[in-house]
PDB file of N, CA and C in Angstrom:
ATOM      1  N   MET A   1       0.824  -1.205   0.000  1.00  0.00           N
ATOM      2  CA  MET A   1       0.000   0.000   0.000  1.00  0.00           C
ATOM      3  C   MET A   1       0.867   1.269   0.000  1.00  0.00           C
ATOM      4  N   LEU A   2       1.985   1.212   0.692  1.00  0.00           N
ATOM      5  CA  LEU A   2       2.881   2.359   0.761  1.00  0.00           C
ATOM      6  C   LEU A   2       3.472   2.678  -0.606  1.00  0.00           C
ATOM      7  N   TRP A   3       3.727   1.665  -1.397  1.00  0.00           N
ATOM      8  CA  TRP A   3       4.298   1.895  -2.724  1.00  0.00           C
ATOM      9  C   TRP A   3       3.322   2.626  -3.631  1.00  0.00           C
ATOM     10  N   VAL A   4       1.996   2.435  -3.450  1.00  0.00           N
ATOM     11  CA  VAL A   4       0.996   3.133  -4.250  1.00  0.00           C
ATOM     12  C   VAL A   4       1.046   4.637  -3.943  1.00  0.00           C
ATOM     13  N   VAL A   5       1.163   4.991  -2.688  1.00  0.00           N
ATOM     14  CA  VAL A   5       1.271   6.389  -2.292  1.00  0.00           C
ATOM     15  C   VAL A   5       2.550   6.982  -2.872  1.00  0.00           C
ATOM     16  N   PHE A   6       3.640   6.228  -2.788  1.00  0.00           N
ATOM     17  CA  PHE A   6       4.929   6.682  -3.314  1.00  0.00           C
ATOM     18  C   PHE A   6       4.832   6.945  -4.826  1.00  0.00           C
ATOM     19  N   VAL A   7       4.219   6.042  -5.566  1.00  0.00           N
ATOM     20  CA  VAL A   7       4.062   6.194  -7.020  1.00  0.00           C
ATOM     21  C   VAL A   7       3.180   7.402  -7.333  1.00  0.00           C
ATOM     22  N   LEU A   8       2.117   7.600  -6.586  1.00  0.00           N
ATOM     23  CA  LEU A   8       1.238   8.744  -6.813  1.00  0.00           C
ATOM     24  C   LEU A   8       1.961  10.066  -6.541  1.00  0.00           C
ATOM     25  N   VAL A   9       2.779  10.095  -5.520  1.00  0.00           N
ATOM     26  CA  VAL A   9       3.544  11.306  -5.212  1.00  0.00           C
ATOM     27  C   VAL A   9       4.533  11.593  -6.345  1.00  0.00           C
ATOM     28  N   ILE A  10       5.215  10.582  -6.820  1.00  0.00           N
ATOM     29  CA  ILE A  10       6.168  10.754  -7.920  1.00  0.00           C
ATOM     30  C   ILE A  10       5.444  11.226  -9.181  1.00  0.00           C
ATOM     31  N   LEU A  11       4.306  10.635  -9.494  1.00  0.00           N
ATOM     32  CA  LEU A  11       3.529  11.044 -10.672  1.00  0.00           C
ATOM     33  C   LEU A  11       3.055  12.489 -10.545  1.00  0.00           C
ATOM     34  N   ALA A  12       2.612  12.872  -9.363  1.00  0.00           N
ATOM     35  CA  ALA A  12       2.173  14.252  -9.153  1.00  0.00           C
ATOM     36  C   ALA A  12       3.345  15.212  -9.340  1.00  0.00           C
ATOM     37  N   TRP A  13       4.511  14.816  -8.841  1.00  0.00           N
ATOM     38  CA  TRP A  13       5.706  15.657  -8.994  1.00  0.00           C
ATOM     39  C   TRP A  13       6.084  15.803 -10.471  1.00  0.00           C
ATOM     40  N   VAL A  14       6.042  14.707 -11.220  1.00  0.00           N
ATOM     41  CA  VAL A  14       6.381  14.740 -12.650  1.00  0.00           C
ATOM     42  C   VAL A  14       5.387  15.625 -13.412  1.00  0.00           C
ATOM     43  N   ILE A  15       4.115  15.491 -13.120  1.00  0.00           N
ATOM     44  CA  ILE A  15       3.098  16.313 -13.803  1.00  0.00           C
ATOM     45  C   ILE A  15       3.303  17.787 -13.487  1.00  0.00           C
ATOM     46  N   ARG A  16       3.599  18.092 -12.239  1.00  0.00           N
ATOM     47  CA  ARG A  16       3.818  19.479 -11.850  1.00  0.00           C
ATOM     48  C   ARG A  16       5.055  20.046 -12.553  1.00  0.00           C
ATOM     49  N   ARG A  17       6.120  19.250 -12.622  1.00  0.00           N
ATOM     50  CA  ARG A  17       7.346  19.690 -13.283  1.00  0.00           C
ATOM     51  C   ARG A  17       7.105  19.915 -14.774  1.00  0.00           C
ATOM     52  N   ASP A  18       6.391  19.013 -15.420  1.00  0.00           N
ATOM     53  CA  ASP A  18       6.104  19.168 -16.846  1.00  0.00           C
ATOM     54  C   ASP A  18       5.220  20.385 -17.107  1.00  0.00           C
ATOM     55  N   THR A  19       4.260  20.618 -16.246  1.00  0.00           N
ATOM     56  CA  THR A  19       3.399  21.786 -16.394  1.00  0.00           C
ATOM     57  C   THR A  19       4.208  23.071 -16.254  1.00  0.00           C
ATOM     58  N   ALA A  20       5.090  23.104 -15.263  1.00  0.00           N
ATOM     59  CA  ALA A  20       5.944  24.282 -15.077  1.00  0.00           C
ATOM     60  C   ALA A  20       6.860  24.476 -16.285  1.00  0.00           C
ATOM     61  N   GLY A  21       7.386  23.392 -16.820  1.00  0.00           N
ATOM     62  CA  GLY A  21       8.233  23.487 -18.006  1.00  0.00           C
ATOM     63  C   GLY A  21       7.470  24.004 -19.209  1.00  0.00           C
ATOM     64  N   TYR A  22       6.252  23.541 -19.383  1.00  0.00           N
ATOM     65  CA  TYR A  22       5.425  24.005 -20.492  1.00  0.00           C
ATOM     66  C   TYR A  22       5.107  25.491 -20.350  1.00  0.00           C
ATOM     67  N   MET A  23       4.781  25.920 -19.138  1.00  0.00           N
ATOM     68  CA  MET A  23       4.464  27.330 -18.916  1.00  0.00           C
ATOM     69  C   MET A  23       5.702  28.198 -19.150  1.00  0.00           C
ATOM     70  N   THR A  24       6.860  27.713 -18.722  1.00  0.00           N
ATOM     71  CA  THR A  24       8.094  28.456 -18.937  1.00  0.00           C
ATOM     72  C   THR A  24       8.414  28.552 -20.428  1.00  0.00           C
ATOM     73  N   ALA A  25       8.229  27.458 -21.155  1.00  0.00           N
ATOM     74  CA  ALA A  25       8.490  27.471 -22.599  1.00  0.00           C
ATOM     75  C   ALA A  25       7.542  28.417 -23.323  1.00  0.00           C
ATOM     76  N   THR A  26       6.287  28.453 -22.904  1.00  0.00           N
ATOM     77  CA  THR A  26       5.317  29.364 -23.505  1.00  0.00           C
ATOM     78  C   THR A  26       5.707  30.812 -23.250  1.00  0.00           C
ATOM     79  N   ARG A  27       6.113  31.115 -22.029  1.00  0.00           N
ATOM     80  CA  ARG A  27       6.537  32.473 -21.680  1.00  0.00           C
ATOM     81  C   ARG A  27       7.791  32.864 -22.455  1.00  0.00           C
ATOM     82  N   LEU A  28       8.731  31.928 -22.579  1.00  0.00           N
ATOM     83  CA  LEU A  28       9.959  32.190 -23.322  1.00  0.00           C
ATOM     84  C   LEU A  28       9.659  32.479 -24.791  1.00  0.00           C
ATOM     85  N   ASP A  29       8.752  31.728 -25.374  1.00  0.00           N
ATOM     86  CA  ASP A  29       8.376  31.969 -26.765  1.00  0.00           C
ATOM     87  C   ASP A  29       7.734  33.343 -26.915  1.00  0.00           C
ATOM     88  N   SER A  30       6.893  33.715 -25.958  1.00  0.00           N
ATOM     89  CA  SER A  30       6.258  35.036 -25.982  1.00  0.00           C
ATOM     90  C   SER A  30       7.308  36.141 -25.882  1.00  0.00           C
ATOM     91  N   LEU A  31       8.285  35.969 -25.000  1.00  0.00           N
ATOM     92  CA  LEU A  31       9.334  36.974 -24.845  1.00  0.00           C
ATOM     93  C   LEU A  31      10.217  37.067 -26.091  1.00  0.00           C
ATOM     94  N   ARG A  32      10.491  35.944 -26.723  1.00  0.00           N
ATOM     95  CA  ARG A  32      11.290  35.974 -27.961  1.00  0.00           C
ATOM     96  C   ARG A  32      10.552  36.714 -29.068  1.00  0.00           C
ATOM     97  N   THR A  33       9.252  36.493 -29.159  1.00  0.00           N
ATOM     98  CA  THR A  33       8.454  37.188 -30.162  1.00  0.00           C
ATOM     99  C   THR A  33       8.464  38.691 -29.884  1.00  0.00           C
ATOM    100  N   ARG A  34       8.293  39.061 -28.627  1.00  0.00           N
ATOM    101  CA  ARG A  34       8.302  40.478 -28.254  1.00  0.00           C
ATOM    102  C   ARG A  34       9.661  41.108 -28.541  1.00  0.00           C
ATOM    103  N   LYS A  35      10.723  40.361 -28.260  1.00  0.00           N
ATOM    104  CA  LYS A  35      12.071  40.873 -28.514  1.00  0.00           C
ATOM    105  C   LYS A  35      12.262  41.157 -30.000  1.00  0.00           C
ATOM    106  N   SER A  36      11.821  40.241 -30.850  1.00  0.00           N
ATOM    107  CA  SER A  36      12.007  40.452 -32.291  1.00  0.00           C
ATOM    108  C   SER A  36      11.196  41.661 -32.771  1.00  0.00           C
ATOM    109  N   VAL A  37      10.020  41.882 -32.199  1.00  0.00           N
ATOM    110  CA  VAL A  37       9.224  43.059 -32.548  1.00  0.00           C
ATOM    111  C   VAL A  37       9.960  44.325 -32.112  1.00  0.00           C
ATOM    112  N   LEU A  38      10.506  44.314 -30.889  1.00  0.00           N
ATOM    113  CA  LEU A  38      11.211  45.485 -30.375  1.00  0.00           C
ATOM    114  C   LEU A  38      12.488  45.766 -31.158  1.00  0.00           C
ATOM    115  N   VAL A  39      13.194  44.724 -31.581  1.00  0.00           N
ATOM    116  CA  VAL A  39      14.396  44.921 -32.394  1.00  0.00           C
ATOM    117  C   VAL A  39      14.022  45.565 -33.730  1.00  0.00           C
ATOM    118  N   GLY A  40      12.926  45.125 -34.305  1.00  0.00           N
ATOM    119  CA  GLY A  40      12.454  45.735 -35.549  1.00  0.00           C
ATOM    120  C   GLY A  40      12.094  47.194 -35.356  1.00  0.00           C
ATOM    121  N   GLN A  41      11.435  47.515 -34.251  1.00  0.00           N
ATOM    122  CA  GLN A  41      11.081  48.908 -33.965  1.00  0.00           C
ATOM    123  C   GLN A  41      12.340  49.750 -33.746  1.00  0.00           C
ATOM    124  N   ARG A  42      13.329  49.189 -33.046  1.00  0.00           N
ATOM    125  CA  ARG A  42      14.569  49.917 -32.798  1.00  0.00           C
ATOM    126  C   ARG A  42      15.271  50.221 -34.116  1.00  0.00           C
ATOM    127  N   THR A  43      15.306  49.257 -35.013  1.00  0.00           N
ATOM    128  CA  THR A  43      15.931  49.463 -36.313  1.00  0.00           C
ATOM    129  C   THR A  43      15.217  50.572 -37.087  1.00  0.00           C
ATOM    130  N   ASP A  44      13.890  50.537 -37.062  1.00  0.00           N
ATOM    131  CA  ASP A  44      13.110  51.571 -37.739  1.00  0.00           C
ATOM    132  C   ASP A  44      13.382  52.947 -37.141  1.00  0.00           C
ATOM    133  N   LEU A  45      13.414  53.023 -35.810  1.00  0.00           N
ATOM    134  CA  LEU A  45      13.660  54.309 -35.156  1.00  0.00           C
ATOM    135  C   LEU A  45      15.064  54.833 -35.453  1.00  0.00           C
ATOM    136  N   ARG A  46      16.049  53.949 -35.470  1.00  0.00           N
ATOM    137  CA  ARG A  46      17.417  54.387 -35.798  1.00  0.00           C
ATOM    138  C   ARG A  46      17.491  54.925 -37.222  1.00  0.00           C
ATOM    139  N   GLN A  47      16.808  54.271 -38.140  1.00  0.00           N
ATOM    140  CA  GLN A  47      16.789  54.757 -39.520  1.00  0.00           C
ATOM    141  C   GLN A  47      16.119  56.127 -39.596  1.00  0.00           C
ATOM    142  N   ARG A  48      15.026  56.290 -38.864  1.00  0.00           N
ATOM    143  CA  ARG A  48      14.343  57.587 -38.861  1.00  0.00           C
ATOM    144  C   ARG A  48      15.212  58.676 -38.247  1.00  0.00           C
ATOM    145  N   ILE A  49      15.930  58.343 -37.174  1.00  0.00           N
ATOM    146  CA  ILE A  49      16.831  59.319 -36.544  1.00  0.00           C
ATOM    147  C   ILE A  49      17.955  59.696 -37.501  1.00  0.00           C
ATOM    148  N   ASN A  50      18.555  58.698 -38.133  1.00  0.00           N
ATOM    149  CA  ASN A  50      19.638  58.977 -39.087  1.00  0.00           C
ATOM    150  C   ASN A  50      19.148  59.852 -40.236  1.00  0.00           C
ATOM    151  N   ARG A  51      17.973  59.553 -40.728  1.00  0.00           N
ATOM    152  CA  ARG A  51      17.411  60.337 -41.825  1.00  0.00           C
ATOM    153  C   ARG A  51      17.124  61.765 -41.364  1.00  0.00           C
ATOM    154  N   ALA A  52      16.512  61.908 -40.185  1.00  0.00           N
ATOM    155  CA  ALA A  52      16.142  63.236 -39.696  1.00  0.00           C
ATOM    156  C   ALA A  52      17.360  64.078 -39.335  1.00  0.00           C
ATOM    157  N   SER A  53      18.484  63.462 -39.029  1.00  0.00           N
ATOM    158  CA  SER A  53      19.676  64.227 -38.669  1.00  0.00           C
ATOM    159  C   SER A  53      20.650  64.377 -39.835  1.00  0.00           C
ATOM    160  N   SER A  54      20.231  63.999 -41.007  1.00  0.00           N
ATOM    161  CA  SER A  54      21.106  64.127 -42.178  1.00  0.00           C
ATOM    162  C   SER A  54      21.116  65.570 -42.683  1.00  0.00           C
ATOM    163  N   ARG A  55      22.151  65.910 -43.407  1.00  0.00           N
ATOM    164  CA  ARG A  55      22.267  67.263 -43.971  1.00  0.00           C
ATOM    165  C   ARG A  55      21.127  67.551 -44.947  1.00  0.00           C
ATOM    166  N   GLU A  56      20.673  66.524 -45.654  1.00  0.00           N
ATOM    167  CA  GLU A  56      19.590  66.708 -46.625  1.00  0.00           C
ATOM    168  C   GLU A  56      18.328  67.247 -45.962  1.00  0.00           C
ATOM    169  N   VAL A  57      18.107  66.862 -44.724  1.00  0.00           N
ATOM    170  CA  VAL A  57      16.901  67.282 -44.017  1.00  0.00           C
ATOM    171  C   VAL A  57      17.167  68.537 -43.191  1.00  0.00           C
ATOM    172  N   LEU A  58      18.316  68.595 -42.517  1.00  0.00           N
ATOM    173  CA  LEU A  58      18.572  69.695 -41.592  1.00  0.00           C
ATOM    174  C   LEU A  58      18.842  71.029 -42.279  1.00  0.00           C
ATOM    175  N   ILE A  59      19.571  71.017 -43.375  1.00  0.00           N
ATOM    176  CA  ILE A  59      19.910  72.289 -44.030  1.00  0.00           C
ATOM    177  C   ILE A  59      18.661  73.019 -44.525  1.00  0.00           C
ATOM    178  N   PRO A  60      17.740  72.369 -45.227  1.00  0.00           N
ATOM    179  CA  PRO A  60      16.523  73.105 -45.622  1.00  0.00           C
ATOM    180  C   PRO A  60      15.715  73.623 -44.424  1.00  0.00           C
ATOM    181  N   LYS A  61      15.665  72.871 -43.347  1.00  0.00           N
ATOM    182  CA  LYS A  61      14.937  73.338 -42.161  1.00  0.00           C
ATOM    183  C   LYS A  61      15.640  74.530 -41.541  1.00  0.00           C
ATOM    184  N   ALA A  62      16.980  74.488 -41.476  1.00  0.00           N
ATOM    185  CA  ALA A  62      17.734  75.608 -40.904  1.00  0.00           C
ATOM    186  C   ALA A  62      17.577  76.854 -41.770  1.00  0.00           C
ATOM    187  N   GLU A  63      17.636  76.694 -43.084  1.00  0.00           N
ATOM    188  CA  GLU A  63      17.466  77.846 -43.974  1.00  0.00           C
ATOM    189  C   GLU A  63      16.063  78.427 -43.870  1.00  0.00           C
ATOM    190  N   ALA A  64      15.083  77.578 -43.615  1.00  0.00           N
ATOM    191  CA  ALA A  64      13.703  78.050 -43.502  1.00  0.00           C
ATOM    192  C   ALA A  64      13.509  78.964 -42.292  1.00  0.00           C
ATOM    193  N   ILE A  65      14.332  78.802 -41.277  1.00  0.00           N
ATOM    194  CA  ILE A  65      14.199  79.669 -40.088  1.00  0.00           C
ATOM    195  C   ILE A  65      15.279  80.747 -40.057  1.00  0.00           C
ATOM    196  N   GLY A  66      15.973  80.947 -41.185  1.00  0.00           N
ATOM    197  CA  GLY A  66      16.907  82.055 -41.295  1.00  0.00           C
ATOM    198  C   GLY A  66      18.345  81.728 -40.941  1.00  0.00           C
ATOM    199  N   LEU A  67      18.677  80.488 -40.737  1.00  0.00           N
ATOM    200  CA  LEU A  67      20.064  80.125 -40.452  1.00  0.00           C
ATOM    201  C   LEU A  67      20.791  79.836 -41.754  1.00  0.00           C
ATOM    202  N   ARG A  68      22.108  79.897 -41.704  1.00  0.00           N
ATOM    203  CA  ARG A  68      22.889  79.583 -42.895  1.00  0.00           C
ATOM    204  C   ARG A  68      24.044  78.684 -42.487  1.00  0.00           C
ATOM    205  N   GLU A  69      24.626  78.054 -43.481  1.00  0.00           N
ATOM    206  CA  GLU A  69      25.766  77.186 -43.245  1.00  0.00           C
ATOM    207  C   GLU A  69      27.011  78.048 -43.079  1.00  0.00           C
ATOM    208  N   SER A  70      27.852  77.718 -42.124  1.00  0.00           N
ATOM    209  CA  SER A  70      29.040  78.537 -41.869  1.00  0.00           C
ATOM    210  C   SER A  70      30.118  78.254 -42.917  1.00  0.00           C
ATOM    211  N   ALA A  71      30.901  79.303 -43.204  1.00  0.00           N
ATOM    212  CA  ALA A  71      32.031  79.153 -44.114  1.00  0.00           C
ATOM    213  C   ALA A  71      33.192  78.526 -43.347  1.00  0.00           C
ATOM    214  N   ASP A  72      34.166  78.006 -44.103  1.00  0.00           N
ATOM    215  CA  ASP A  72      35.314  77.375 -43.465  1.00  0.00           C
ATOM    216  C   ASP A  72      36.063  78.338 -42.551  1.00  0.00           C
ATOM    217  N   SER A  73      36.132  79.594 -42.937  1.00  0.00           N
ATOM    218  CA  SER A  73      36.866  80.576 -42.136  1.00  0.00           C
ATOM    219  C   SER A  73      36.136  80.937 -40.845  1.00  0.00           C
ATOM    220  N   GLU A  74      34.862  80.570 -40.727  1.00  0.00           N
ATOM    221  CA  GLU A  74      34.080  80.907 -39.535  1.00  0.00           C
ATOM    222  C   GLU A  74      34.127  79.814 -38.466  1.00  0.00           C
ATOM    223  N   ILE A  75      34.730  78.715 -38.795  1.00  0.00           N
ATOM    224  CA  ILE A  75      34.761  77.596 -37.857  1.00  0.00           C
ATOM    225  C   ILE A  75      35.950  77.763 -36.917  1.00  0.00           C
ATOM    226  N   VAL A  76      35.692  77.695 -35.644  1.00  0.00           N
ATOM    227  CA  VAL A  76      36.733  77.800 -34.626  1.00  0.00           C
ATOM    228  C   VAL A  76      36.719  76.515 -33.812  1.00  0.00           C
ATOM    229  N   ILE A  77      37.862  75.874 -33.724  1.00  0.00           N
ATOM    230  CA  ILE A  77      37.971  74.657 -32.929  1.00  0.00           C
ATOM    231  C   ILE A  77      38.445  75.055 -31.535  1.00  0.00           C
ATOM    232  N   LEU A  78      37.634  74.763 -30.555  1.00  0.00           N
ATOM    233  CA  LEU A  78      37.948  75.122 -29.182  1.00  0.00           C
ATOM    234  C   LEU A  78      38.694  73.974 -28.519  1.00  0.00           C
ATOM    235  N   PRO A  79      39.848  74.262 -27.930  1.00  0.00           N
ATOM    236  CA  PRO A  79      40.581  73.188 -27.262  1.00  0.00           C
ATOM    237  C   PRO A  79      39.902  72.816 -25.943  1.00  0.00           C
ATOM    238  N   VAL A  80      39.958  71.567 -25.628  1.00  0.00           N
ATOM    239  CA  VAL A  80      39.402  71.081 -24.373  1.00  0.00           C
ATOM    240  C   VAL A  80      40.531  71.065 -23.353  1.00  0.00           C
ATOM    241  N   PRO A  81      40.349  71.751 -22.239  1.00  0.00           N
ATOM    242  CA  PRO A  81      41.421  71.771 -21.248  1.00  0.00           C
ATOM    243  C   PRO A  81      41.645  70.380 -20.658  1.00  0.00           C
ATOM    244  N   GLN A  82      42.897  70.011 -20.551  1.00  0.00           N
ATOM    245  CA  GLN A  82      43.269  68.729 -19.989  1.00  0.00           C
ATOM    246  C   GLN A  82      43.452  68.882 -18.481  1.00  0.00           C
ATOM    247  N   PRO A  83      43.034  67.899 -17.717  1.00  0.00           N
ATOM    248  CA  PRO A  83      43.233  67.993 -16.264  1.00  0.00           C
ATOM    249  C   PRO A  83      44.732  67.965 -15.934  1.00  0.00           C
ATOM    250  N   GLU A  84      45.098  68.711 -14.927  1.00  0.00           N
ATOM    251  CA  GLU A  84      46.500  68.762 -14.542  1.00  0.00           C
ATOM    252  C   GLU A  84      46.918  67.448 -13.907  1.00  0.00           C
ATOM    253  N   ARG A  85      48.092  67.000 -14.307  1.00  0.00           N
ATOM    254  CA  ARG A  85      48.640  65.767 -13.715  1.00  0.00           C
ATOM    255  C   ARG A  85      49.604  66.151 -12.611  1.00  0.00           C
ATOM    256  N   ARG A  86      49.579  65.406 -11.571  1.00  0.00           N
ATOM    257  CA  ARG A  86      50.449  65.711 -10.424  1.00  0.00           C
ATOM    258  C   ARG A  86      51.612  64.768 -10.360  1.00  0.00           C
TER     259      ARG A  86
END
């Protein structure tokens, strides 16, 4: 009689483990799908950012508000001060 209880406990444990594994696999598949969607959105957003920050787009917008492109002689390179070494 004791062996029947032992077998039932083992079977219950196996069923519980398999159910947990199935639920974990389902969640993992859902997360992988979401990740691929988010990667696609990130790629799209990066392309939009690159396009919006290109000279082709920025120069006409800057000219529309009265800005102009600087000449080479107007560019000043400012040195960055280096921290003093002791």
